[in-house]
Amino acid sequence: MTIDPAIVGALLGLVICVADYFVIGAVMERMTRERPSERLGAKTALNVARISQLVLFPVLGWFVGQTFAA
């Protein structure tokens, strides 16, 4: 039984994006703690980036896995 390379790529993308989600969340929390009023736009941009990565990284991993296996 072999594992589909596309699934492996998607799972690796998922692992990376979940780790990145928590790292960016910690950065956002630290920014809010240090200067809550100065960086409202940066906090919004980071939140959009970390949520979009939850979808984007597994999809890109799916295609990269297929490409490297071929």
PDB file of N, CA and C in Angstrom:
ATOM      1  N   MET A   1       0.836  -1.174   0.000  1.00  0.00           N
ATOM      2  CA  MET A   1       0.000   0.000   0.000  1.00  0.00           C
ATOM      3  C   MET A   1       0.890   1.249   0.000  1.00  0.00           C
ATOM      4  N   THR A   2       0.627   2.130  -0.925  1.00  0.00           N
ATOM      5  CA  THR A   2       1.398   3.364  -1.011  1.00  0.00           C
ATOM      6  C   THR A   2       0.517   4.549  -0.632  1.00  0.00           C
ATOM      7  N   ILE A   3       1.172   5.577  -0.157  1.00  0.00           N
ATOM      8  CA  ILE A   3       0.463   6.793   0.226  1.00  0.00           C
ATOM      9  C   ILE A   3       0.540   7.773  -0.938  1.00  0.00           C
ATOM     10  N   ASP A   4      -0.571   8.386  -1.234  1.00  0.00           N
ATOM     11  CA  ASP A   4      -0.635   9.349  -2.322  1.00  0.00           C
ATOM     12  C   ASP A   4       0.226  10.576  -1.982  1.00  0.00           C
ATOM     13  N   PRO A   5       1.144  10.965  -2.849  1.00  0.00           N
ATOM     14  CA  PRO A   5       2.003  12.120  -2.569  1.00  0.00           C
ATOM     15  C   PRO A   5       1.221  13.420  -2.382  1.00  0.00           C
ATOM     16  N   ALA A   6       0.081  13.539  -3.042  1.00  0.00           N
ATOM     17  CA  ALA A   6      -0.724  14.745  -2.888  1.00  0.00           C
ATOM     18  C   ALA A   6      -1.256  14.855  -1.456  1.00  0.00           C
ATOM     19  N   ILE A   7      -1.659  13.737  -0.880  1.00  0.00           N
ATOM     20  CA  ILE A   7      -2.149  13.742   0.505  1.00  0.00           C
ATOM     21  C   ILE A   7      -1.008  14.085   1.462  1.00  0.00           C
ATOM     22  N   VAL A   8       0.163  13.542   1.209  1.00  0.00           N
ATOM     23  CA  VAL A   8       1.322  13.849   2.057  1.00  0.00           C
ATOM     24  C   VAL A   8       1.625  15.348   1.991  1.00  0.00           C
ATOM     25  N   GLY A   9       1.593  15.916   0.796  1.00  0.00           N
ATOM     26  CA  GLY A   9       1.832  17.351   0.638  1.00  0.00           C
ATOM     27  C   GLY A   9       0.790  18.181   1.355  1.00  0.00           C
ATOM     28  N   ALA A  10      -0.477  17.769   1.255  1.00  0.00           N
ATOM     29  CA  ALA A  10      -1.540  18.505   1.933  1.00  0.00           C
ATOM     30  C   ALA A  10      -1.389  18.414   3.447  1.00  0.00           C
ATOM     31  N   LEU A  11      -1.016  17.262   3.949  1.00  0.00           N
ATOM     32  CA  LEU A  11      -0.823  17.114   5.394  1.00  0.00           C
ATOM     33  C   LEU A  11       0.368  17.929   5.891  1.00  0.00           C
ATOM     34  N   LEU A  12       1.443  17.956   5.120  1.00  0.00           N
ATOM     35  CA  LEU A  12       2.586  18.793   5.495  1.00  0.00           C
ATOM     36  C   LEU A  12       2.207  20.275   5.478  1.00  0.00           C
ATOM     37  N   GLY A  13       1.435  20.673   4.484  1.00  0.00           N
ATOM     38  CA  GLY A  13       0.951  22.055   4.439  1.00  0.00           C
ATOM     39  C   GLY A  13       0.070  22.379   5.626  1.00  0.00           C
ATOM     40  N   LEU A  14      -0.748  21.416   6.037  1.00  0.00           N
ATOM     41  CA  LEU A  14      -1.615  21.623   7.192  1.00  0.00           C
ATOM     42  C   LEU A  14      -0.806  21.762   8.475  1.00  0.00           C
ATOM     43  N   VAL A  15       0.217  20.939   8.626  1.00  0.00           N
ATOM     44  CA  VAL A  15       1.062  21.018   9.823  1.00  0.00           C
ATOM     45  C   VAL A  15       1.774  22.369   9.886  1.00  0.00           C
ATOM     46  N   ILE A  16       2.292  22.813   8.758  1.00  0.00           N
ATOM     47  CA  ILE A  16       3.001  24.089   8.718  1.00  0.00           C
ATOM     48  C   ILE A  16       2.046  25.247   9.006  1.00  0.00           C
ATOM     49  N   CYS A  17       0.859  25.206   8.426  1.00  0.00           N
ATOM     50  CA  CYS A  17      -0.059  26.333   8.623  1.00  0.00           C
ATOM     51  C   CYS A  17      -0.609  26.368  10.041  1.00  0.00           C
ATOM     52  N   VAL A  18      -0.816  25.237  10.676  1.00  0.00           N
ATOM     53  CA  VAL A  18      -1.289  25.243  12.067  1.00  0.00           C
ATOM     54  C   VAL A  18      -0.208  25.811  12.979  1.00  0.00           C
ATOM     55  N   ALA A  19       1.032  25.432  12.753  1.00  0.00           N
ATOM     56  CA  ALA A  19       2.131  25.993  13.555  1.00  0.00           C
ATOM     57  C   ALA A  19       2.243  27.499  13.319  1.00  0.00           C
ATOM     58  N   ASP A  20       2.139  27.906  12.082  1.00  0.00           N
ATOM     59  CA  ASP A  20       2.223  29.323  11.742  1.00  0.00           C
ATOM     60  C   ASP A  20       1.052  30.104  12.330  1.00  0.00           C
ATOM     61  N   TYR A  21      -0.122  29.485  12.368  1.00  0.00           N
ATOM     62  CA  TYR A  21      -1.314  30.123  12.950  1.00  0.00           C
ATOM     63  C   TYR A  21      -1.060  30.493  14.413  1.00  0.00           C
ATOM     64  N   PHE A  22      -0.469  29.578  15.169  1.00  0.00           N
ATOM     65  CA  PHE A  22      -0.212  29.850  16.576  1.00  0.00           C
ATOM     66  C   PHE A  22       0.935  30.841  16.771  1.00  0.00           C
ATOM     67  N   VAL A  23       1.931  30.790  15.918  1.00  0.00           N
ATOM     68  CA  VAL A  23       3.044  31.739  16.021  1.00  0.00           C
ATOM     69  C   VAL A  23       2.563  33.156  15.725  1.00  0.00           C
ATOM     70  N   ILE A  24       1.804  33.331  14.670  1.00  0.00           N
ATOM     71  CA  ILE A  24       1.287  34.662  14.338  1.00  0.00           C
ATOM     72  C   ILE A  24       0.313  35.134  15.419  1.00  0.00           C
ATOM     73  N   GLY A  25      -0.462  34.215  15.992  1.00  0.00           N
ATOM     74  CA  GLY A  25      -1.347  34.584  17.098  1.00  0.00           C
ATOM     75  C   GLY A  25      -0.575  35.096  18.300  1.00  0.00           C
ATOM     76  N   ALA A  26       0.548  34.478  18.597  1.00  0.00           N
ATOM     77  CA  ALA A  26       1.386  34.937  19.710  1.00  0.00           C
ATOM     78  C   ALA A  26       1.978  36.312  19.409  1.00  0.00           C
ATOM     79  N   VAL A  27       2.374  36.545  18.173  1.00  0.00           N
ATOM     80  CA  VAL A  27       2.902  37.857  17.780  1.00  0.00           C
ATOM     81  C   VAL A  27       1.812  38.915  17.913  1.00  0.00           C
ATOM     82  N   MET A  28       0.598  38.590  17.477  1.00  0.00           N
ATOM     83  CA  MET A  28      -0.511  39.536  17.595  1.00  0.00           C
ATOM     84  C   MET A  28      -0.811  39.854  19.058  1.00  0.00           C
ATOM     85  N   GLU A  29      -0.793  38.857  19.894  1.00  0.00           N
ATOM     86  CA  GLU A  29      -1.064  39.072  21.311  1.00  0.00           C
ATOM     87  C   GLU A  29       0.006  39.954  21.948  1.00  0.00           C
ATOM     88  N   ARG A  30       1.241  39.714  21.591  1.00  0.00           N
ATOM     89  CA  ARG A  30       2.333  40.522  22.141  1.00  0.00           C
ATOM     90  C   ARG A  30       2.242  41.967  21.653  1.00  0.00           C
ATOM     91  N   MET A  31       1.894  42.153  20.375  1.00  0.00           N
ATOM     92  CA  MET A  31       1.715  43.504  19.850  1.00  0.00           C
ATOM     93  C   MET A  31       0.599  44.234  20.592  1.00  0.00           C
ATOM     94  N   THR A  32      -0.489  43.546  20.854  1.00  0.00           N
ATOM     95  CA  THR A  32      -1.626  44.143  21.544  1.00  0.00           C
ATOM     96  C   THR A  32      -1.253  44.519  22.977  1.00  0.00           C
ATOM     97  N   ARG A  33      -0.476  43.669  23.618  1.00  0.00           N
ATOM     98  CA  ARG A  33      -0.071  43.938  24.991  1.00  0.00           C
ATOM     99  C   ARG A  33       0.861  45.143  25.092  1.00  0.00           C
ATOM    100  N   GLU A  34       1.785  45.266  24.157  1.00  0.00           N
ATOM    101  CA  GLU A  34       2.778  46.334  24.232  1.00  0.00           C
ATOM    102  C   GLU A  34       2.221  47.701  23.855  1.00  0.00           C
ATOM    103  N   ARG A  35       1.552  47.767  22.735  1.00  0.00           N
ATOM    104  CA  ARG A  35       0.972  49.042  22.274  1.00  0.00           C
ATOM    105  C   ARG A  35      -0.392  48.781  21.654  1.00  0.00           C
ATOM    106  N   PRO A  36      -1.439  48.762  22.451  1.00  0.00           N
ATOM    107  CA  PRO A  36      -2.752  48.354  21.938  1.00  0.00           C
ATOM    108  C   PRO A  36      -3.375  49.302  20.920  1.00  0.00           C
ATOM    109  N   SER A  37      -3.102  50.580  21.004  1.00  0.00           N
ATOM    110  CA  SER A  37      -3.799  51.505  20.111  1.00  0.00           C
ATOM    111  C   SER A  37      -3.029  51.805  18.829  1.00  0.00           C
ATOM    112  N   GLU A  38      -1.729  51.574  18.815  1.00  0.00           N
ATOM    113  CA  GLU A  38      -0.927  51.973  17.661  1.00  0.00           C
ATOM    114  C   GLU A  38      -1.068  51.053  16.463  1.00  0.00           C
ATOM    115  N   ARG A  39      -1.261  49.773  16.683  1.00  0.00           N
ATOM    116  CA  ARG A  39      -1.112  48.813  15.583  1.00  0.00           C
ATOM    117  C   ARG A  39      -2.405  48.089  15.245  1.00  0.00           C
ATOM    118  N   LEU A  40      -3.485  48.833  15.143  1.00  0.00           N
ATOM    119  CA  LEU A  40      -4.766  48.206  14.837  1.00  0.00           C
ATOM    120  C   LEU A  40      -4.771  47.637  13.409  1.00  0.00           C
ATOM    121  N   GLY A  41      -4.224  48.364  12.451  1.00  0.00           N
ATOM    122  CA  GLY A  41      -4.180  47.890  11.066  1.00  0.00           C
ATOM    123  C   GLY A  41      -3.279  46.682  10.902  1.00  0.00           C
ATOM    124  N   ALA A  42      -2.168  46.671  11.613  1.00  0.00           N
ATOM    125  CA  ALA A  42      -1.249  45.535  11.528  1.00  0.00           C
ATOM    126  C   ALA A  42      -1.887  44.283  12.117  1.00  0.00           C
ATOM    127  N   LYS A  43      -2.627  44.443  13.191  1.00  0.00           N
ATOM    128  CA  LYS A  43      -3.294  43.290  13.809  1.00  0.00           C
ATOM    129  C   LYS A  43      -4.337  42.700  12.860  1.00  0.00           C
ATOM    130  N   THR A  44      -5.068  43.543  12.180  1.00  0.00           N
ATOM    131  CA  THR A  44      -6.068  43.069  11.225  1.00  0.00           C
ATOM    132  C   THR A  44      -5.408  42.353  10.058  1.00  0.00           C
ATOM    133  N   ALA A  45      -4.319  42.910   9.560  1.00  0.00           N
ATOM    134  CA  ALA A  45      -3.605  42.284   8.437  1.00  0.00           C
ATOM    135  C   ALA A  45      -3.044  40.925   8.838  1.00  0.00           C
ATOM    136  N   LEU A  46      -2.478  40.828  10.037  1.00  0.00           N
ATOM    137  CA  LEU A  46      -1.949  39.542  10.499  1.00  0.00           C
ATOM    138  C   LEU A  46      -3.059  38.523  10.696  1.00  0.00           C
ATOM    139  N   ASN A  47      -4.207  38.962  11.178  1.00  0.00           N
ATOM    140  CA  ASN A  47      -5.324  38.042  11.381  1.00  0.00           C
ATOM    141  C   ASN A  47      -5.836  37.505  10.043  1.00  0.00           C
ATOM    142  N   VAL A  48      -5.932  38.363   9.047  1.00  0.00           N
ATOM    143  CA  VAL A  48      -6.359  37.924   7.712  1.00  0.00           C
ATOM    144  C   VAL A  48      -5.337  36.946   7.129  1.00  0.00           C
ATOM    145  N   ALA A  49      -4.052  37.244   7.312  1.00  0.00           N
ATOM    146  CA  ALA A  49      -3.001  36.368   6.778  1.00  0.00           C
ATOM    147  C   ALA A  49      -3.031  34.999   7.436  1.00  0.00           C
ATOM    148  N   ARG A  50      -3.194  34.951   8.747  1.00  0.00           N
ATOM    149  CA  ARG A  50      -3.150  33.646   9.414  1.00  0.00           C
ATOM    150  C   ARG A  50      -4.387  32.813   9.123  1.00  0.00           C
ATOM    151  N   ILE A  51      -5.537  33.444   8.924  1.00  0.00           N
ATOM    152  CA  ILE A  51      -6.744  32.673   8.584  1.00  0.00           C
ATOM    153  C   ILE A  51      -6.679  32.187   7.134  1.00  0.00           C
ATOM    154  N   SER A  52      -6.179  33.031   6.230  1.00  0.00           N
ATOM    155  CA  SER A  52      -6.097  32.607   4.826  1.00  0.00           C
ATOM    156  C   SER A  52      -5.077  31.481   4.638  1.00  0.00           C
ATOM    157  N   GLN A  53      -4.054  31.434   5.471  1.00  0.00           N
ATOM    158  CA  GLN A  53      -3.062  30.368   5.367  1.00  0.00           C
ATOM    159  C   GLN A  53      -3.637  29.011   5.748  1.00  0.00           C
ATOM    160  N   LEU A  54      -4.675  28.991   6.568  1.00  0.00           N
ATOM    161  CA  LEU A  54      -5.305  27.718   6.927  1.00  0.00           C
ATOM    162  C   LEU A  54      -5.906  27.027   5.711  1.00  0.00           C
ATOM    163  N   VAL A  55      -6.285  27.801   4.716  1.00  0.00           N
ATOM    164  CA  VAL A  55      -6.829  27.224   3.486  1.00  0.00           C
ATOM    165  C   VAL A  55      -5.728  27.066   2.435  1.00  0.00           C
ATOM    166  N   LEU A  56      -4.879  28.076   2.339  1.00  0.00           N
ATOM    167  CA  LEU A  56      -3.917  28.127   1.241  1.00  0.00           C
ATOM    168  C   LEU A  56      -2.811  27.076   1.346  1.00  0.00           C
ATOM    169  N   PHE A  57      -2.229  26.877   2.520  1.00  0.00           N
ATOM    170  CA  PHE A  57      -1.101  25.952   2.642  1.00  0.00           C
ATOM    171  C   PHE A  57      -1.458  24.499   2.325  1.00  0.00           C
ATOM    172  N   PRO A  58      -2.566  23.953   2.827  1.00  0.00           N
ATOM    173  CA  PRO A  58      -2.888  22.567   2.445  1.00  0.00           C
ATOM    174  C   PRO A  58      -3.172  22.414   0.943  1.00  0.00           C
ATOM    175  N   VAL A  59      -3.811  23.422   0.346  1.00  0.00           N
ATOM    176  CA  VAL A  59      -4.092  23.348  -1.096  1.00  0.00           C
ATOM    177  C   VAL A  59      -2.790  23.396  -1.892  1.00  0.00           C
ATOM    178  N   LEU A  60      -1.895  24.312  -1.522  1.00  0.00           N
ATOM    179  CA  LEU A  60      -0.602  24.369  -2.201  1.00  0.00           C
ATOM    180  C   LEU A  60       0.201  23.092  -1.965  1.00  0.00           C
ATOM    181  N   GLY A  61       0.138  22.547  -0.756  1.00  0.00           N
ATOM    182  CA  GLY A  61       0.821  21.288  -0.464  1.00  0.00           C
ATOM    183  C   GLY A  61       0.302  20.154  -1.322  1.00  0.00           C
ATOM    184  N   TRP A  62      -0.989  20.151  -1.573  1.00  0.00           N
ATOM    185  CA  TRP A  62      -1.605  19.134  -2.428  1.00  0.00           C
ATOM    186  C   TRP A  62      -0.979  19.166  -3.826  1.00  0.00           C
ATOM    187  N   PHE A  63      -0.880  20.368  -4.399  1.00  0.00           N
ATOM    188  CA  PHE A  63      -0.327  20.493  -5.749  1.00  0.00           C
ATOM    189  C   PHE A  63       1.182  20.268  -5.784  1.00  0.00           C
ATOM    190  N   VAL A  64       1.885  20.740  -4.776  1.00  0.00           N
ATOM    191  CA  VAL A  64       3.341  20.532  -4.728  1.00  0.00           C
ATOM    192  C   VAL A  64       3.654  19.059  -4.574  1.00  0.00           C
ATOM    193  N   GLY A  65       2.886  18.345  -3.753  1.00  0.00           N
ATOM    194  CA  GLY A  65       3.092  16.908  -3.583  1.00  0.00           C
ATOM    195  C   GLY A  65       2.909  16.155  -4.884  1.00  0.00           C
ATOM    196  N   GLN A  66       1.905  16.527  -5.651  1.00  0.00           N
ATOM    197  CA  GLN A  66       1.690  15.890  -6.946  1.00  0.00           C
ATOM    198  C   GLN A  66       2.816  16.204  -7.918  1.00  0.00           C
ATOM    199  N   THR A  67       3.303  17.427  -7.889  1.00  0.00           N
ATOM    200  CA  THR A  67       4.360  17.845  -8.813  1.00  0.00           C
ATOM    201  C   THR A  67       5.669  17.125  -8.530  1.00  0.00           C
ATOM    202  N   PHE A  68       6.046  17.034  -7.260  1.00  0.00           N
ATOM    203  CA  PHE A  68       7.307  16.368  -6.926  1.00  0.00           C
ATOM    204  C   PHE A  68       7.259  14.874  -7.127  1.00  0.00           C
ATOM    205  N   ALA A  69       6.082  14.291  -7.080  1.00  0.00           N
ATOM    206  CA  ALA A  69       5.972  12.839  -7.258  1.00  0.00           C
ATOM    207  C   ALA A  69       6.031  12.448  -8.735  1.00  0.00           C
ATOM    208  N   ALA A  70       5.698  13.390  -9.594  1.00  0.00           N
ATOM    209  CA  ALA A  70       5.655  13.061 -11.031  1.00  0.00           C
ATOM    210  C   ALA A  70       7.017  13.032 -11.665  1.00  0.00           C
TER     211      ALA A  70
END
